[in-house]
Amino acid sequence: MAFFDSDIVQDEAKRLFLDYQQLMQLGSEYGKFDREGKKLYIERMEDMMDRYRVFMKRFELSEDFQAKLTVEQLRTQLGQFGLTPETMFEQMHKTLERMKSELDKTP
């Protein structure tokens, strides 16, 4: 079975995409959240990044040609911005850590 024919892969891809879209929409209101709302948003973003990292690892470990091609396309696209998937995750982690530290500074 091809990588993208898997119901599990298709389901997780759909859920990741929808969850990401919802978080991005919600994030546009981040400045209006109270402290607990901001903490919850950060936690959900961390969960999303963990899920995305696992999903990408599946691609990397797959022997499927389409999966390998997808990884290479992502690397090429990120490379245009001077990033790799690893540095993208590192930058997102740093951003979330900075957001947490800002929360710690507010009453």
Protein backbone atom coordinates (compact mmCIF):
# COMPACT_ATOMS: atom_id res chain seq x y z
CA MET A 1 0.00 0.00 0.00
CA ALA A 2 1.30 3.44 -0.89
CA PHE A 3 1.98 5.84 1.97
CA PHE A 4 -0.77 8.28 1.01
CA ASP A 5 -3.30 5.49 0.50
CA SER A 6 -3.24 4.71 4.22
CA ASP A 7 -6.43 5.75 6.00
CA ILE A 8 -4.38 6.52 9.09
CA VAL A 9 -2.08 8.88 7.18
CA GLN A 10 -4.98 10.59 5.42
CA ASP A 11 -6.92 10.99 8.67
CA GLU A 12 -3.97 12.44 10.57
CA ALA A 13 -3.12 14.79 7.70
CA LYS A 14 -6.69 16.11 7.65
CA ARG A 15 -6.79 16.50 11.44
CA LEU A 16 -3.41 18.25 11.51
CA PHE A 17 -4.44 20.64 8.75
CA LEU A 18 -7.80 21.49 10.35
CA ASP A 19 -6.35 21.83 13.84
CA TYR A 20 -3.56 24.05 12.52
CA GLN A 21 -6.03 26.29 10.68
CA GLN A 22 -8.17 26.63 13.81
CA LEU A 23 -5.16 27.46 15.97
CA MET A 24 -3.98 30.09 13.50
CA GLN A 25 -7.42 31.71 13.47
CA LEU A 26 -7.55 31.59 17.24
CA GLY A 27 -4.00 32.95 17.46
CA SER A 28 -5.04 36.14 15.72
CA GLU A 29 -6.88 36.97 18.95
CA TYR A 30 -3.98 35.93 21.23
CA GLY A 31 -3.41 39.47 22.54
CA LYS A 32 -6.98 39.54 23.87
CA PHE A 33 -6.65 36.28 25.84
CA ASP A 34 -6.36 36.29 29.59
CA ARG A 35 -3.37 34.54 31.19
CA GLU A 36 -5.07 31.12 31.31
CA GLY A 37 -6.23 31.43 27.71
CA LYS A 38 -2.68 32.20 26.61
CA LYS A 39 -1.33 29.21 28.56
CA LEU A 40 -3.91 26.94 26.92
CA TYR A 41 -3.09 28.30 23.46
CA ILE A 42 0.63 27.68 24.00
CA GLU A 43 -0.06 24.13 25.21
CA ARG A 44 -2.17 23.42 22.14
CA MET A 45 0.54 24.78 19.88
CA GLU A 46 3.10 22.55 21.60
CA ASP A 47 0.83 19.54 21.13
CA MET A 48 0.37 20.48 17.46
CA MET A 49 4.11 20.74 16.91
CA ASP A 50 4.65 17.35 18.57
CA ARG A 51 2.02 15.77 16.34
CA TYR A 52 3.49 17.42 13.26
CA ARG A 53 7.00 16.25 14.17
CA VAL A 54 5.77 12.64 14.48
CA PHE A 55 3.88 12.95 11.21
CA MET A 56 6.98 14.22 9.43
CA LYS A 57 9.08 11.42 10.93
CA ARG A 58 6.67 8.92 9.35
CA PHE A 59 7.39 10.51 5.99
CA GLU A 60 11.13 10.38 6.56
CA LEU A 61 11.08 6.72 7.61
CA SER A 62 8.81 5.57 4.80
CA GLU A 63 10.23 3.76 1.80
CA ASP A 64 7.38 5.10 -0.34
CA PHE A 65 8.54 7.24 -3.26
CA GLN A 66 5.79 9.84 -2.78
CA ALA A 67 6.61 10.20 0.92
CA LYS A 68 10.30 10.71 0.12
CA LEU A 69 9.38 13.23 -2.56
CA THR A 70 7.18 15.12 -0.10
CA VAL A 71 10.06 15.35 2.38
CA GLU A 72 12.37 16.65 -0.32
CA GLN A 73 9.81 19.21 -1.47
CA LEU A 74 9.43 20.44 2.11
CA ARG A 75 13.20 20.68 2.52
CA THR A 76 13.43 22.64 -0.75
CA GLN A 77 10.64 25.03 0.24
CA LEU A 78 12.08 25.62 3.71
CA GLY A 79 15.55 25.97 2.20
CA GLN A 80 14.35 29.01 0.30
CA PHE A 81 13.96 30.67 3.70
CA GLY A 82 17.24 29.34 5.02
CA LEU A 83 15.51 26.68 7.11
CA THR A 84 15.45 22.92 7.45
CA PRO A 85 12.60 20.98 9.06
CA GLU A 86 14.80 20.70 12.16
CA THR A 87 15.46 24.43 12.38
CA MET A 88 11.79 25.14 11.72
CA PHE A 89 10.86 23.04 14.77
CA GLU A 90 13.64 24.66 16.82
CA GLN A 91 12.42 28.14 15.91
CA MET A 92 8.85 27.27 16.78
CA HIS A 93 9.99 25.81 20.10
CA LYS A 94 11.95 29.00 20.87
CA THR A 95 8.92 31.10 20.01
CA LEU A 96 6.69 29.09 22.32
CA GLU A 97 9.30 29.27 25.10
CA ARG A 98 9.48 33.05 24.67
CA MET A 99 5.70 33.25 24.86
CA LYS A 100 5.80 31.23 28.09
CA SER A 101 8.45 33.47 29.61
CA GLU A 102 6.36 36.53 28.78
CA LEU A 103 3.45 34.92 30.60
CA ASP A 104 5.65 34.36 33.65
CA LYS A 105 6.42 38.08 33.74
CA THR A 106 2.77 39.15 33.84
CA PRO A 107 0.67 39.07 37.01
